[in-house]
Protein backbone atom coordinates (compact mmCIF):
# COMPACT_ATOMS: atom_id res chain seq x y z
CA UNK A 1 0.03 -0.07 -0.02
CA UNK A 2 1.42 3.43 -0.80
CA UNK A 3 2.32 5.89 1.84
CA UNK A 4 -0.63 7.73 3.19
CA UNK A 5 0.67 11.00 4.40
CA UNK A 6 -1.18 13.10 6.92
CA UNK A 7 0.66 16.30 5.96
CA UNK A 8 1.79 17.63 2.45
CA UNK A 9 5.36 18.19 2.00
CA UNK A 10 6.65 21.71 1.46
CA UNK A 11 5.22 22.62 -2.03
CA UNK A 12 2.47 19.85 -2.66
CA UNK A 13 -1.25 19.88 -2.16
CA UNK A 14 -2.86 16.58 -0.97
CA UNK A 15 -6.51 15.60 -1.01
CA UNK A 16 -8.33 12.48 0.15
CA UNK A 17 -11.71 11.95 -1.65
CA UNK A 18 -14.55 9.52 -1.25
CA UNK A 19 -18.06 8.95 -2.66
CA UNK A 20 -21.04 7.41 -0.84
CA UNK A 21 -24.34 6.18 -2.14
CA UNK A 22 -27.38 4.90 -0.19
CA UNK A 23 -28.49 2.30 -2.64
CA UNK A 24 -26.91 2.33 -5.99
CA UNK A 25 -28.36 4.34 -7.40
CA UNK A 26 -29.89 6.46 -4.66
CA UNK A 27 -28.91 9.49 -2.53
CA UNK A 28 -25.25 10.23 -3.32
CA UNK A 29 -22.62 12.46 -1.62
CA UNK A 30 -18.92 13.15 -1.47
CA UNK A 31 -16.13 13.94 0.86
CA UNK A 32 -12.96 15.84 0.49
CA UNK A 33 -10.14 16.68 2.91
CA UNK A 34 -7.59 18.92 1.32
CA UNK A 35 -4.29 20.27 2.83
CA UNK A 36 -1.52 22.42 1.80
CA UNK A 37 0.98 24.53 3.74
CA UNK A 38 -0.80 24.95 7.10
CA UNK A 39 -4.30 24.99 5.59
CA UNK A 40 -6.84 22.04 5.86
CA UNK A 41 -10.28 22.31 4.42
CA UNK A 42 -12.87 19.83 4.15
CA UNK A 43 -16.15 19.40 1.96
CA UNK A 44 -19.16 17.29 2.46
CA UNK A 45 -21.54 17.66 -0.60
CA UNK A 46 -24.90 16.13 -1.46
CA UNK A 47 -25.20 15.20 -5.09
CA UNK A 48 -28.80 14.18 -5.12
CA UNK A 49 -29.81 10.92 -6.78
CA UNK A 50 -26.76 9.28 -8.36
CA UNK A 51 -24.44 6.35 -8.35
CA UNK A 52 -21.41 5.67 -6.23
CA UNK A 53 -19.07 6.03 -9.30
CA UNK A 54 -20.58 9.46 -9.95
CA UNK A 55 -19.93 10.42 -6.32
CA UNK A 56 -16.33 9.00 -6.44
CA UNK A 57 -15.56 10.84 -9.65
CA UNK A 58 -17.10 14.07 -8.53
CA UNK A 59 -15.08 14.02 -5.42
CA UNK A 60 -11.86 13.95 -7.64
CA UNK A 61 -13.19 16.77 -9.65
CA UNK A 62 -13.94 18.94 -6.46
CA UNK A 63 -10.52 18.40 -5.09
CA UNK A 64 -8.98 19.39 -8.50
CA UNK A 65 -11.23 22.45 -8.75
CA UNK A 66 -10.33 23.60 -5.24
CA UNK A 67 -6.57 23.31 -5.56
CA UNK A 68 -4.99 26.60 -4.80
CA UNK A 69 -2.22 26.49 -7.39
CA UNK A 70 -2.14 24.69 -10.61
CA UNK A 71 1.77 24.62 -10.61
CA UNK A 72 2.02 22.92 -7.26
CA UNK A 73 2.02 19.14 -7.33
CA UNK A 74 -1.47 17.82 -6.35
CA UNK A 75 -1.70 14.28 -4.90
CA UNK A 76 -5.30 12.87 -4.80
CA UNK A 77 -5.72 9.82 -2.57
CA UNK A 78 -8.90 7.71 -3.39
CA UNK A 79 -10.18 4.26 -2.55
CA UNK A 80 -11.89 4.05 -6.04
CA UNK A 81 -10.28 1.81 -8.43
CA UNK A 82 -12.92 2.82 -10.80
CA UNK A 83 -11.81 6.51 -10.63
CA UNK A 84 -8.28 5.65 -11.12
CA UNK A 85 -8.81 3.30 -13.83
CA UNK A 86 -11.05 5.75 -15.92
CA UNK A 87 -8.90 8.73 -15.22
CA UNK A 88 -5.37 7.31 -15.45
CA UNK A 89 -5.39 3.84 -17.03
CA UNK A 90 -7.23 4.26 -20.07
CA UNK A 91 -10.42 2.36 -19.08
CA UNK A 92 -13.24 3.12 -21.37
CA UNK A 93 -16.12 5.01 -19.66
CA UNK A 94 -19.46 3.20 -20.58
CA UNK A 95 -21.37 5.67 -18.33
CA UNK A 96 -20.60 9.18 -16.96
CA UNK A 97 -18.85 10.11 -20.24
CA UNK A 98 -19.41 13.79 -19.87
CA UNK A 99 -18.22 13.90 -16.37
CA UNK A 100 -15.07 12.11 -17.08
CA UNK A 101 -14.29 14.26 -19.98
CA UNK A 102 -14.77 17.23 -17.65
CA UNK A 103 -12.43 15.78 -15.04
CA UNK A 104 -9.85 14.93 -17.44
CA UNK A 105 -9.98 18.52 -18.98
CA UNK A 106 -9.43 19.90 -15.25
CA UNK A 107 -6.74 17.53 -14.49
CA UNK A 108 -4.87 18.62 -17.56
CA UNK A 109 -4.49 22.08 -16.20
CA UNK A 110 -2.00 20.90 -13.53
CA UNK A 111 1.79 20.91 -13.94
CA UNK A 112 1.86 17.79 -11.80
CA UNK A 113 -1.00 15.64 -10.64
CA UNK A 114 -1.23 12.02 -9.33
CA UNK A 115 -4.16 9.84 -8.26
CA UNK A 116 -3.12 7.27 -5.67
CA UNK A 117 -5.06 4.36 -4.55
CA UNK A 118 -5.51 3.80 -0.91
CA UNK A 119 -7.53 0.87 0.67
CA UNK A 120 -10.94 1.95 1.92
CA UNK A 121 -11.79 1.25 5.63
CA UNK A 122 -8.25 0.47 6.47
CA UNK A 123 -7.78 2.92 9.34
CA UNK A 124 -6.14 5.59 7.04
CA UNK A 125 -7.23 8.71 9.14
CA UNK A 126 -7.77 11.12 6.19
CA UNK A 127 -9.40 8.61 4.10
CA UNK A 128 -11.56 7.68 6.89
CA UNK A 129 -12.44 11.34 7.48
CA UNK A 130 -13.33 11.68 3.58
CA UNK A 131 -15.68 8.68 3.99
CA UNK A 132 -17.36 10.26 7.07
CA UNK A 133 -17.95 13.40 5.12
CA UNK A 134 -19.44 11.56 2.15
CA UNK A 135 -21.70 9.44 4.32
CA UNK A 136 -22.76 12.53 6.18
CA UNK A 137 -23.83 14.30 3.04
CA UNK A 138 -25.59 11.26 1.94
CA UNK A 139 -27.41 10.77 5.18
CA UNK A 140 -28.38 14.41 5.87
CA UNK A 141 -29.03 15.00 2.24
CA UNK A 142 -27.15 18.37 2.73
CA UNK A 143 -23.90 20.13 1.90
CA UNK A 144 -21.53 22.13 4.06
CA UNK A 145 -19.65 23.74 1.36
CA UNK A 146 -15.91 24.00 1.99
CA UNK A 147 -14.99 24.33 5.68
CA UNK A 148 -11.57 25.77 6.59
CA UNK A 149 -10.18 24.04 9.68
CA UNK A 150 -6.80 25.75 9.93
């Protein structure tokens, strides 16, 4: 399993992303924990009716959209093999093609970006937090918007 940092290195931005769905399809939400320098911010967003794959992909998109600087390396940690396969390994999207195209366009604006797989529900603190945020959005059917914690 790759290293799962809890703090960014000097110039990088790290994000942990997760999606959740109650039923599949059903109420869907996402969670993102993003850190750079001494900043930590979190997002819990309700997406409405959708699939787990839509939630996972949209979480990656939200992380990329919120990155503070396209010239800084962005490391996105996700437990979604689907998102990594579709976005970096050439898997063909049978569904969600517009969303995938939008994400790929966003990712292409970065000088350096990596999607890194982490195991879900494996006590990786920031991945667990992203999961909590996604489940919260789904359960409450509400969004917090970005919340700055430091």
